Amino acid sequence: SAGASMVNDVYALRRPGALEMAARLNVPVCLMHMQGTPPNMQKAPAYTDVVREVSHFLSSRVRASEAAGIARHHLMVDPGFGFGKTFQHNVQLLRGLGDLADVGIPIVVGVSRKAFVRRLASVDQVGNDETAQVSAGLALYAASQGAAVLRVHDVALTRNLVRTWETLASPPLNECNAQLQGSLC
């Protein structure tokens, strides 16, 4: 009733009543993976195979969402970069992003200005030019691996980088992933 046009849930609709509320709203829903909870998620994240485990979790949340009556075309998944993951887990997830496409739902990637991006760029300050450039490069990489939605801070830089790559790429990336049916474009 307040006017929300999308649900973006770091708990992937696991809290009591969340599935029912999202189904009732009939709006796009982003299901995010997070090991633990915000207060404890970075204490000791551990995975045997982070890509497989995140993929399995997201697949199970998609099934639960559909069972609750949420239309498949309203669903998106977010691997949760920086949420209950070490630097190495985040790198492995980026490298395995194409494997997450097996979930069959548009993938949302938000890596912009995260701590692991600063580490990749070897810089300490948020907003630093190098961090923005590395964030845009990672967004481009994510798009090339099948990410349908890129959550970024430096929109113009990222847009220009992706458009330039699209001009040269074969086959080109779509301006807006067809799986989203234009609902968020």
N, C-alpha and C. Protein backbone atom coordinates (compact mmCIF):
# COMPACT_ATOMS: atom_id res chain seq x y z
N SER A 1 0.82 -1.20 0.00
CA SER A 1 0.00 0.00 0.00
C SER A 1 0.86 1.26 0.00
N ALA A 2 2.13 1.15 0.40
CA ALA A 2 3.02 2.31 0.42
C ALA A 2 3.59 2.61 -0.95
N GLY A 3 3.41 1.70 -1.91
CA GLY A 3 3.85 1.97 -3.27
C GLY A 3 5.06 1.20 -3.73
N ALA A 4 5.49 0.21 -2.98
CA ALA A 4 6.65 -0.58 -3.41
C ALA A 4 6.32 -1.31 -4.71
N SER A 5 7.29 -1.32 -5.62
CA SER A 5 7.07 -2.01 -6.89
C SER A 5 7.97 -3.22 -7.04
N MET A 6 8.72 -3.55 -5.98
CA MET A 6 9.60 -4.71 -6.01
C MET A 6 9.95 -5.10 -4.58
N VAL A 7 10.16 -6.40 -4.37
CA VAL A 7 10.64 -6.90 -3.08
C VAL A 7 12.07 -7.39 -3.30
N ASN A 8 13.01 -6.86 -2.50
CA ASN A 8 14.41 -7.28 -2.57
C ASN A 8 14.77 -7.76 -1.17
N ASP A 9 14.81 -9.09 -0.98
CA ASP A 9 14.90 -9.65 0.37
C ASP A 9 16.21 -10.39 0.59
N VAL A 10 17.03 -9.88 1.52
CA VAL A 10 18.30 -10.54 1.84
C VAL A 10 18.07 -11.88 2.53
N TYR A 11 16.87 -12.13 3.01
CA TYR A 11 16.54 -13.42 3.63
C TYR A 11 15.88 -14.39 2.65
N ALA A 12 15.71 -13.98 1.39
CA ALA A 12 15.13 -14.84 0.35
C ALA A 12 13.74 -15.36 0.74
N LEU A 13 12.97 -14.49 1.38
CA LEU A 13 11.58 -14.81 1.78
C LEU A 13 11.50 -15.98 2.75
N ARG A 14 12.50 -16.13 3.63
CA ARG A 14 12.49 -17.21 4.62
C ARG A 14 11.84 -16.79 5.93
N ARG A 15 11.59 -15.53 6.13
CA ARG A 15 10.99 -15.09 7.39
C ARG A 15 9.48 -15.36 7.36
N PRO A 16 8.89 -15.60 8.52
CA PRO A 16 7.46 -15.92 8.57
C PRO A 16 6.60 -14.87 7.85
N GLY A 17 5.74 -15.36 6.96
CA GLY A 17 4.82 -14.49 6.24
C GLY A 17 5.38 -13.82 5.00
N ALA A 18 6.68 -13.92 4.79
CA ALA A 18 7.30 -13.21 3.66
C ALA A 18 6.84 -13.76 2.31
N LEU A 19 6.80 -15.09 2.17
CA LEU A 19 6.35 -15.68 0.91
C LEU A 19 4.93 -15.25 0.58
N GLU A 20 4.05 -15.32 1.56
CA GLU A 20 2.66 -14.96 1.35
C GLU A 20 2.51 -13.48 0.99
N MET A 21 3.25 -12.63 1.68
CA MET A 21 3.20 -11.20 1.40
C MET A 21 3.67 -10.91 -0.03
N ALA A 22 4.78 -11.52 -0.44
CA ALA A 22 5.30 -11.29 -1.79
C ALA A 22 4.33 -11.80 -2.85
N ALA A 23 3.72 -12.94 -2.61
CA ALA A 23 2.74 -13.48 -3.57
C ALA A 23 1.53 -12.54 -3.67
N ARG A 24 1.10 -12.03 -2.55
CA ARG A 24 -0.06 -11.13 -2.53
C ARG A 24 0.24 -9.82 -3.27
N LEU A 25 1.46 -9.31 -3.14
CA LEU A 25 1.82 -8.05 -3.80
C LEU A 25 1.90 -8.18 -5.32
N ASN A 26 2.24 -9.38 -5.80
CA ASN A 26 2.31 -9.63 -7.24
C ASN A 26 3.26 -8.65 -7.94
N VAL A 27 4.45 -8.49 -7.37
CA VAL A 27 5.49 -7.62 -7.94
C VAL A 27 6.76 -8.45 -8.12
N PRO A 28 7.74 -7.93 -8.88
CA PRO A 28 9.01 -8.65 -8.99
C PRO A 28 9.66 -8.85 -7.62
N VAL A 29 10.35 -9.99 -7.47
CA VAL A 29 10.97 -10.37 -6.20
C VAL A 29 12.41 -10.81 -6.47
N CYS A 30 13.34 -10.25 -5.70
CA CYS A 30 14.74 -10.67 -5.77
C CYS A 30 15.06 -11.49 -4.52
N LEU A 31 15.46 -12.74 -4.74
CA LEU A 31 15.81 -13.67 -3.67
C LEU A 31 17.33 -13.69 -3.54
N MET A 32 17.85 -13.28 -2.40
CA MET A 32 19.29 -13.20 -2.22
C MET A 32 19.82 -14.30 -1.31
N HIS A 33 21.00 -14.80 -1.62
CA HIS A 33 21.68 -15.76 -0.75
C HIS A 33 22.48 -15.01 0.30
N MET A 34 22.40 -15.49 1.52
CA MET A 34 23.23 -14.96 2.60
C MET A 34 23.43 -16.10 3.59
N GLN A 35 24.66 -16.41 3.90
CA GLN A 35 24.94 -17.40 4.94
C GLN A 35 24.93 -16.66 6.27
N GLY A 36 24.07 -17.08 7.18
CA GLY A 36 23.95 -16.41 8.47
C GLY A 36 22.96 -15.27 8.40
N THR A 37 23.14 -14.29 9.29
CA THR A 37 22.29 -13.10 9.35
C THR A 37 23.20 -11.88 9.31
N PRO A 38 22.67 -10.69 9.03
CA PRO A 38 23.54 -9.52 8.96
C PRO A 38 24.48 -9.35 10.17
N PRO A 39 24.02 -9.59 11.40
CA PRO A 39 24.96 -9.41 12.52
C PRO A 39 26.11 -10.42 12.56
N ASN A 40 25.90 -11.64 12.02
CA ASN A 40 26.95 -12.66 12.16
C ASN A 40 27.48 -13.22 10.84
N MET A 41 27.00 -12.73 9.71
CA MET A 41 27.30 -13.35 8.42
C MET A 41 28.78 -13.37 8.07
N GLN A 42 29.57 -12.46 8.58
CA GLN A 42 30.99 -12.40 8.21
C GLN A 42 31.90 -13.01 9.28
N LYS A 43 31.32 -13.63 10.31
CA LYS A 43 32.15 -14.16 11.40
C LYS A 43 33.01 -15.34 10.97
N ALA A 44 32.46 -16.29 10.25
CA ALA A 44 33.24 -17.45 9.80
C ALA A 44 32.53 -18.15 8.65
N PRO A 45 32.31 -17.44 7.53
CA PRO A 45 31.62 -18.11 6.42
C PRO A 45 32.42 -19.30 5.92
N ALA A 46 31.73 -20.41 5.69
CA ALA A 46 32.41 -21.64 5.24
C ALA A 46 31.53 -22.36 4.23
N TYR A 47 32.15 -22.82 3.18
CA TYR A 47 31.47 -23.58 2.13
C TYR A 47 32.39 -24.70 1.67
N THR A 48 31.82 -25.80 1.25
CA THR A 48 32.58 -26.85 0.59
C THR A 48 32.77 -26.47 -0.87
N ASP A 49 31.68 -26.02 -1.50
CA ASP A 49 31.68 -25.57 -2.90
C ASP A 49 30.70 -24.41 -2.98
N VAL A 50 31.20 -23.18 -2.89
CA VAL A 50 30.34 -22.01 -2.77
C VAL A 50 29.38 -21.87 -3.95
N VAL A 51 29.83 -22.13 -5.17
CA VAL A 51 28.95 -21.98 -6.33
C VAL A 51 27.81 -22.99 -6.27
N ARG A 52 28.15 -24.24 -5.99
CA ARG A 52 27.12 -25.28 -5.93
C ARG A 52 26.15 -25.02 -4.79
N GLU A 53 26.65 -24.63 -3.62
CA GLU A 53 25.79 -24.40 -2.47
C GLU A 53 24.87 -23.19 -2.66
N VAL A 54 25.40 -22.12 -3.23
CA VAL A 54 24.57 -20.94 -3.50
C VAL A 54 23.52 -21.28 -4.55
N SER A 55 23.91 -21.99 -5.59
CA SER A 55 22.98 -22.40 -6.64
C SER A 55 21.86 -23.27 -6.07
N HIS A 56 22.23 -24.23 -5.22
CA HIS A 56 21.23 -25.11 -4.61
C HIS A 56 20.26 -24.31 -3.74
N PHE A 57 20.80 -23.40 -2.93
CA PHE A 57 19.96 -22.57 -2.06
C PHE A 57 18.98 -21.74 -2.90
N LEU A 58 19.50 -21.07 -3.93
CA LEU A 58 18.63 -20.22 -4.74
C LEU A 58 17.58 -21.03 -5.48
N SER A 59 17.96 -22.21 -5.97
CA SER A 59 16.98 -23.08 -6.63
C SER A 59 15.86 -23.47 -5.66
N SER A 60 16.23 -23.78 -4.42
CA SER A 60 15.21 -24.18 -3.44
C SER A 60 14.29 -23.00 -3.10
N ARG A 61 14.83 -21.79 -3.07
CA ARG A 61 14.01 -20.61 -2.77
C ARG A 61 13.09 -20.27 -3.95
N VAL A 62 13.56 -20.53 -5.17
CA VAL A 62 12.71 -20.34 -6.34
C VAL A 62 11.53 -21.31 -6.27
N ARG A 63 11.82 -22.58 -5.95
CA ARG A 63 10.74 -23.57 -5.83
C ARG A 63 9.74 -23.18 -4.75
N ALA A 64 10.24 -22.73 -3.60
CA ALA A 64 9.35 -22.32 -2.51
C ALA A 64 8.51 -21.11 -2.92
N SER A 65 9.11 -20.20 -3.64
CA SER A 65 8.39 -19.00 -4.09
C SER A 65 7.29 -19.36 -5.07
N GLU A 66 7.61 -20.23 -6.01
CA GLU A 66 6.60 -20.66 -6.98
C GLU A 66 5.48 -21.42 -6.28
N ALA A 67 5.83 -22.26 -5.32
CA ALA A 67 4.82 -23.02 -4.58
C ALA A 67 3.89 -22.09 -3.80
N ALA A 68 4.41 -20.93 -3.40
CA ALA A 68 3.60 -19.95 -2.66
C ALA A 68 2.75 -19.09 -3.60
N GLY A 69 2.92 -19.28 -4.90
CA GLY A 69 2.10 -18.54 -5.85
C GLY A 69 2.77 -17.35 -6.50
N ILE A 70 4.08 -17.21 -6.34
CA ILE A 70 4.79 -16.11 -6.99
C ILE A 70 5.12 -16.56 -8.41
N ALA A 71 4.73 -15.75 -9.37
CA ALA A 71 4.95 -16.08 -10.78
C ALA A 71 6.44 -16.14 -11.09
N ARG A 72 6.84 -17.15 -11.82
CA ARG A 72 8.25 -17.34 -12.17
C ARG A 72 8.83 -16.10 -12.86
N HIS A 73 8.06 -15.46 -13.72
CA HIS A 73 8.58 -14.29 -14.43
C HIS A 73 8.79 -13.08 -13.51
N HIS A 74 8.32 -13.17 -12.26
CA HIS A 74 8.56 -12.11 -11.28
C HIS A 74 9.82 -12.36 -10.45
N LEU A 75 10.44 -13.52 -10.62
CA LEU A 75 11.57 -13.89 -9.76
C LEU A 75 12.92 -13.53 -10.36
N MET A 76 13.83 -13.10 -9.48
CA MET A 76 15.24 -12.87 -9.79
C MET A 76 16.03 -13.45 -8.62
N VAL A 77 17.27 -13.82 -8.87
CA VAL A 77 18.13 -14.34 -7.80
C VAL A 77 19.40 -13.51 -7.73
N ASP A 78 19.90 -13.37 -6.51
CA ASP A 78 21.12 -12.61 -6.24
C ASP A 78 22.04 -13.51 -5.42
N PRO A 79 23.24 -13.83 -5.93
CA PRO A 79 24.15 -14.69 -5.17
C PRO A 79 24.66 -14.08 -3.87
N GLY A 80 24.40 -12.81 -3.64
CA GLY A 80 24.74 -12.20 -2.36
C GLY A 80 26.23 -11.94 -2.17
N PHE A 81 26.85 -11.30 -3.14
CA PHE A 81 28.27 -10.97 -3.00
C PHE A 81 28.47 -10.13 -1.75
N GLY A 82 29.41 -10.56 -0.90
CA GLY A 82 29.71 -9.84 0.33
C GLY A 82 28.82 -10.18 1.51
N PHE A 83 27.85 -11.05 1.31
CA PHE A 83 26.93 -11.42 2.39
C PHE A 83 27.23 -12.85 2.83
N GLY A 84 28.02 -12.99 3.88
CA GLY A 84 28.37 -14.31 4.39
C GLY A 84 29.36 -15.01 3.48
N LYS A 85 30.32 -14.25 2.97
CA LYS A 85 31.31 -14.81 2.05
C LYS A 85 32.66 -14.14 2.28
N THR A 86 33.70 -14.94 2.16
CA THR A 86 35.05 -14.40 2.24
C THR A 86 35.45 -13.82 0.88
N PHE A 87 36.61 -13.19 0.84
CA PHE A 87 37.15 -12.68 -0.43
C PHE A 87 37.19 -13.80 -1.46
N GLN A 88 37.73 -14.95 -1.06
CA GLN A 88 37.86 -16.07 -2.00
C GLN A 88 36.50 -16.60 -2.45
N HIS A 89 35.53 -16.64 -1.56
CA HIS A 89 34.18 -17.08 -1.94
C HIS A 89 33.61 -16.16 -3.01
N ASN A 90 33.78 -14.84 -2.82
CA ASN A 90 33.27 -13.88 -3.80
C ASN A 90 33.93 -14.06 -5.16
N VAL A 91 35.23 -14.28 -5.16
CA VAL A 91 35.95 -14.51 -6.43
C VAL A 91 35.45 -15.79 -7.09
N GLN A 92 35.29 -16.86 -6.30
CA GLN A 92 34.79 -18.12 -6.86
C GLN A 92 33.38 -17.95 -7.42
N LEU A 93 32.53 -17.20 -6.73
CA LEU A 93 31.17 -16.96 -7.23
C LEU A 93 31.19 -16.19 -8.55
N LEU A 94 32.05 -15.19 -8.64
CA LEU A 94 32.16 -14.46 -9.90
C LEU A 94 32.60 -15.39 -11.02
N ARG A 95 33.61 -16.19 -10.74
CA ARG A 95 34.10 -17.13 -11.76
C ARG A 95 33.04 -18.16 -12.14
N GLY A 96 32.17 -18.51 -11.21
CA GLY A 96 31.15 -19.53 -11.47
C GLY A 96 29.78 -18.95 -11.78
N LEU A 97 29.72 -17.67 -12.07
CA LEU A 97 28.43 -17.02 -12.30
C LEU A 97 27.65 -17.69 -13.42
N GLY A 98 28.33 -18.12 -14.46
CA GLY A 98 27.64 -18.82 -15.55
C GLY A 98 26.94 -20.07 -15.08
N ASP A 99 27.51 -20.76 -14.09
CA ASP A 99 26.88 -21.96 -13.54
C ASP A 99 25.59 -21.64 -12.80
N LEU A 100 25.49 -20.44 -12.23
CA LEU A 100 24.27 -20.05 -11.53
C LEU A 100 23.11 -19.85 -12.50
N ALA A 101 23.42 -19.67 -13.76
CA ALA A 101 22.36 -19.53 -14.77
C ALA A 101 21.50 -20.79 -14.84
N ASP A 102 22.04 -21.91 -14.35
CA ASP A 102 21.28 -23.16 -14.34
C ASP A 102 20.02 -23.06 -13.48
N VAL A 103 19.98 -22.09 -12.58
CA VAL A 103 18.79 -21.88 -11.75
C VAL A 103 17.61 -21.52 -12.66
N GLY A 104 17.90 -20.91 -13.81
CA GLY A 104 16.86 -20.59 -14.78
C GLY A 104 16.08 -19.32 -14.49
N ILE A 105 16.64 -18.46 -13.67
CA ILE A 105 16.00 -17.21 -13.26
C ILE A 105 17.00 -16.09 -13.49
N PRO A 106 16.56 -14.89 -13.88
CA PRO A 106 17.50 -13.79 -14.07
C PRO A 106 18.36 -13.56 -12.83
N ILE A 107 19.64 -13.33 -13.06
CA ILE A 107 20.60 -13.13 -11.97
C ILE A 107 20.86 -11.64 -11.78
N VAL A 108 20.80 -11.21 -10.52
CA VAL A 108 21.12 -9.84 -10.12
C VAL A 108 22.51 -9.88 -9.50
N VAL A 109 23.37 -8.98 -9.92
CA VAL A 109 24.72 -8.92 -9.36
C VAL A 109 24.98 -7.51 -8.83
N GLY A 110 25.36 -7.44 -7.57
CA GLY A 110 25.73 -6.17 -6.95
C GLY A 110 27.11 -6.29 -6.32
N VAL A 111 28.13 -5.87 -7.04
CA VAL A 111 29.49 -5.95 -6.52
C VAL A 111 30.11 -4.56 -6.33
N SER A 112 29.42 -3.54 -6.78
CA SER A 112 29.95 -2.18 -6.79
C SER A 112 30.41 -1.72 -5.41
N ARG A 113 31.67 -1.32 -5.34
CA ARG A 113 32.28 -0.74 -4.13
C ARG A 113 32.32 -1.66 -2.92
N LYS A 114 32.14 -2.93 -3.11
CA LYS A 114 32.21 -3.87 -1.98
C LYS A 114 33.67 -4.01 -1.53
N ALA A 115 33.85 -4.47 -0.30
CA ALA A 115 35.19 -4.60 0.27
C ALA A 115 36.09 -5.48 -0.59
N PHE A 116 35.55 -6.57 -1.13
CA PHE A 116 36.40 -7.45 -1.92
C PHE A 116 36.81 -6.79 -3.23
N VAL A 117 36.02 -5.84 -3.73
CA VAL A 117 36.40 -5.09 -4.93
C VAL A 117 37.58 -4.18 -4.62
N ARG A 118 37.54 -3.53 -3.47
CA ARG A 118 38.67 -2.69 -3.06
C ARG A 118 39.93 -3.53 -2.91
N ARG A 119 39.77 -4.75 -2.41
CA ARG A 119 40.93 -5.64 -2.28
C ARG A 119 41.46 -6.04 -3.66
N LEU A 120 40.56 -6.36 -4.59
CA LEU A 120 40.99 -6.67 -5.95
C LEU A 120 41.73 -5.50 -6.58
N ALA A 121 41.25 -4.28 -6.29
CA ALA A 121 41.85 -3.07 -6.86
C ALA A 121 43.06 -2.60 -6.06
N SER A 122 43.31 -3.23 -4.93
CA SER A 122 44.41 -2.84 -4.03
C SER A 122 44.29 -1.39 -3.57
N VAL A 123 43.07 -0.98 -3.22
CA VAL A 123 42.83 0.37 -2.69
C VAL A 123 42.02 0.25 -1.40
N ASP A 124 42.07 1.30 -0.59
CA ASP A 124 41.39 1.28 0.70
C ASP A 124 40.18 2.20 0.77
N GLN A 125 40.08 3.19 -0.09
CA GLN A 125 39.03 4.19 0.03
C GLN A 125 37.83 3.86 -0.85
N VAL A 126 36.63 3.95 -0.26
CA VAL A 126 35.39 3.80 -1.02
C VAL A 126 35.25 5.02 -1.92
N GLY A 127 34.82 4.81 -3.15
CA GLY A 127 34.63 5.91 -4.07
C GLY A 127 35.88 6.27 -4.85
N ASN A 128 36.98 5.66 -4.51
CA ASN A 128 38.24 5.87 -5.21
C ASN A 128 38.06 5.53 -6.69
N ASP A 129 38.72 6.28 -7.59
CA ASP A 129 38.58 6.04 -9.03
C ASP A 129 38.89 4.60 -9.41
N GLU A 130 39.93 4.03 -8.81
CA GLU A 130 40.28 2.65 -9.13
C GLU A 130 39.17 1.68 -8.71
N THR A 131 38.55 1.94 -7.57
CA THR A 131 37.45 1.09 -7.12
C THR A 131 36.28 1.19 -8.09
N ALA A 132 35.95 2.38 -8.55
CA ALA A 132 34.87 2.56 -9.52
C ALA A 132 35.18 1.82 -10.81
N GLN A 133 36.42 1.90 -11.26
CA GLN A 133 36.80 1.23 -12.50
C GLN A 133 36.74 -0.28 -12.36
N VAL A 134 37.26 -0.80 -11.26
CA VAL A 134 37.22 -2.25 -11.05
C VAL A 134 35.77 -2.70 -10.88
N SER A 135 34.95 -1.94 -10.16
CA SER A 135 33.53 -2.28 -10.02
C SER A 135 32.85 -2.35 -11.38
N ALA A 136 33.11 -1.39 -12.24
CA ALA A 136 32.52 -1.39 -13.58
C ALA A 136 33.02 -2.57 -14.40
N GLY A 137 34.30 -2.88 -14.26
CA GLY A 137 34.85 -4.05 -14.96
C GLY A 137 34.22 -5.35 -14.49
N LEU A 138 34.00 -5.47 -13.19
CA LEU A 138 33.34 -6.67 -12.66
C LEU A 138 31.89 -6.74 -13.10
N ALA A 139 31.22 -5.60 -13.19
CA ALA A 139 29.84 -5.59 -13.69
C ALA A 139 29.81 -6.06 -15.13
N LEU A 140 30.75 -5.60 -15.93
CA LEU A 140 30.84 -6.05 -17.32
C LEU A 140 31.08 -7.55 -17.38
N TYR A 141 32.00 -8.04 -16.55
CA TYR A 141 32.26 -9.48 -16.51
C TYR A 141 30.98 -10.23 -16.12
N ALA A 142 30.28 -9.74 -15.12
CA ALA A 142 29.04 -10.39 -14.68
C ALA A 142 28.02 -10.43 -15.82
N ALA A 143 27.88 -9.33 -16.53
CA ALA A 143 26.95 -9.29 -17.67
C ALA A 143 27.36 -10.30 -18.73
N SER A 144 28.65 -10.42 -18.97
CA SER A 144 29.13 -11.36 -19.99
C SER A 144 28.91 -12.81 -19.57
N GLN A 145 28.73 -13.04 -18.26
CA GLN A 145 28.48 -14.38 -17.74
C GLN A 145 27.00 -14.66 -17.52
N GLY A 146 26.14 -13.73 -17.91
CA GLY A 146 24.71 -13.98 -17.85
C GLY A 146 23.92 -13.18 -16.84
N ALA A 147 24.57 -12.28 -16.09
CA ALA A 147 23.81 -11.45 -15.16
C ALA A 147 22.82 -10.59 -15.94
N ALA A 148 21.58 -10.57 -15.48
CA ALA A 148 20.53 -9.81 -16.16
C ALA A 148 20.37 -8.41 -15.59
N VAL A 149 20.70 -8.24 -14.31
CA VAL A 149 20.56 -6.95 -13.64
C VAL A 149 21.87 -6.65 -12.93
N LEU A 150 22.39 -5.44 -13.13
CA LEU A 150 23.61 -5.01 -12.47
C LEU A 150 23.26 -3.88 -11.51
N ARG A 151 23.54 -4.09 -10.23
CA ARG A 151 23.31 -3.05 -9.22
C ARG A 151 24.64 -2.32 -9.04
N VAL A 152 24.67 -1.04 -9.42
CA VAL A 152 25.93 -0.29 -9.45
C VAL A 152 25.77 1.08 -8.80
N HIS A 153 26.91 1.68 -8.46
CA HIS A 153 26.93 3.06 -7.97
C HIS A 153 27.27 4.03 -9.10
N ASP A 154 28.23 3.66 -9.91
CA ASP A 154 28.73 4.52 -10.98
C ASP A 154 28.02 4.14 -12.28
N VAL A 155 26.79 4.62 -12.42
CA VAL A 155 25.91 4.20 -13.51
C VAL A 155 26.49 4.57 -14.87
N ALA A 156 26.88 5.82 -15.07
CA ALA A 156 27.36 6.25 -16.39
C ALA A 156 28.61 5.48 -16.80
N LEU A 157 29.56 5.33 -15.89
CA LEU A 157 30.79 4.59 -16.19
C LEU A 157 30.46 3.15 -16.59
N THR A 158 29.63 2.49 -15.81
CA THR A 158 29.27 1.09 -16.09
C THR A 158 28.50 0.99 -17.39
N ARG A 159 27.52 1.86 -17.58
CA ARG A 159 26.73 1.85 -18.82
C ARG A 159 27.63 2.03 -20.04
N ASN A 160 28.55 2.99 -19.99
CA ASN A 160 29.44 3.22 -21.13
C ASN A 160 30.34 2.03 -21.40
N LEU A 161 30.83 1.41 -20.35
CA LEU A 161 31.69 0.23 -20.51
C LEU A 161 30.91 -0.92 -21.13
N VAL A 162 29.70 -1.18 -20.61
CA VAL A 162 28.89 -2.28 -21.14
C VAL A 162 28.47 -1.99 -22.58
N ARG A 163 28.06 -0.77 -22.87
CA ARG A 163 27.66 -0.43 -24.25
C ARG A 163 28.83 -0.57 -25.22
N THR A 164 30.00 -0.15 -24.80
CA THR A 164 31.18 -0.29 -25.67
C THR A 164 31.46 -1.76 -25.93
N TRP A 165 31.40 -2.56 -24.88
CA TRP A 165 31.64 -4.00 -25.05
C TRP A 165 30.57 -4.61 -25.95
N GLU A 166 29.31 -4.21 -25.76
CA GLU A 166 28.23 -4.74 -26.60
C GLU A 166 28.46 -4.42 -28.07
N THR A 167 28.99 -3.24 -28.35
CA THR A 167 29.25 -2.85 -29.72
C THR A 167 30.25 -3.79 -30.38
N LEU A 168 31.19 -4.28 -29.60
CA LEU A 168 32.24 -5.14 -30.14
C LEU A 168 31.96 -6.63 -29.98
N ALA A 169 31.07 -6.98 -29.08
CA ALA A 169 30.84 -8.39 -28.75
C ALA A 169 29.99 -9.08 -29.82
N SER A 170 30.23 -10.36 -29.93
CA SER A 170 29.41 -11.18 -30.82
C SER A 170 29.15 -12.49 -30.11
N PRO A 171 27.93 -12.87 -29.80
CA PRO A 171 26.73 -12.06 -29.99
C PRO A 171 26.65 -10.95 -28.95
N PRO A 172 25.97 -9.86 -29.26
CA PRO A 172 25.89 -8.74 -28.31
C PRO A 172 25.03 -9.07 -27.10
N LEU A 173 25.35 -8.43 -25.98
CA LEU A 173 24.48 -8.50 -24.81
C LEU A 173 23.21 -7.74 -25.14
N ASN A 174 22.11 -8.13 -24.57
CA ASN A 174 20.86 -7.40 -24.77
C ASN A 174 20.85 -6.17 -23.87
N GLU A 175 20.22 -5.10 -24.34
CA GLU A 175 20.06 -3.89 -23.52
C GLU A 175 19.32 -4.24 -22.23
N CYS A 176 18.35 -5.09 -22.36
CA CYS A 176 17.59 -5.55 -21.20
C CYS A 176 17.31 -7.03 -21.40
N ASN A 177 17.65 -7.84 -20.45
CA ASN A 177 17.46 -9.28 -20.58
C ASN A 177 16.00 -9.62 -20.85
N ALA A 178 15.77 -10.40 -21.90
CA ALA A 178 14.40 -10.76 -22.30
C ALA A 178 13.66 -11.51 -21.20
N GLN A 179 14.39 -12.20 -20.31
CA GLN A 179 13.74 -12.95 -19.24
C GLN A 179 12.95 -12.04 -18.31
N LEU A 180 13.35 -10.78 -18.23
CA LEU A 180 12.67 -9.85 -17.33
C LEU A 180 11.41 -9.28 -17.96
N GLN A 181 11.18 -9.57 -19.23
CA GLN A 181 9.98 -9.13 -19.94
C GLN A 181 9.76 -7.63 -19.83
N GLY A 182 10.85 -6.88 -19.75
CA GLY A 182 10.75 -5.43 -19.74
C GLY A 182 10.24 -4.83 -18.45
N SER A 183 9.95 -5.64 -17.44
CA SER A 183 9.32 -5.12 -16.23
C SER A 183 10.23 -4.19 -15.43
N LEU A 184 11.54 -4.35 -15.53
CA LEU A 184 12.44 -3.52 -14.74
C LEU A 184 13.34 -2.64 -15.59
N CYS A 185 13.14 -2.63 -16.88
CA CYS A 185 14.03 -1.91 -17.78
C CYS A 185 13.63 -0.45 -17.91
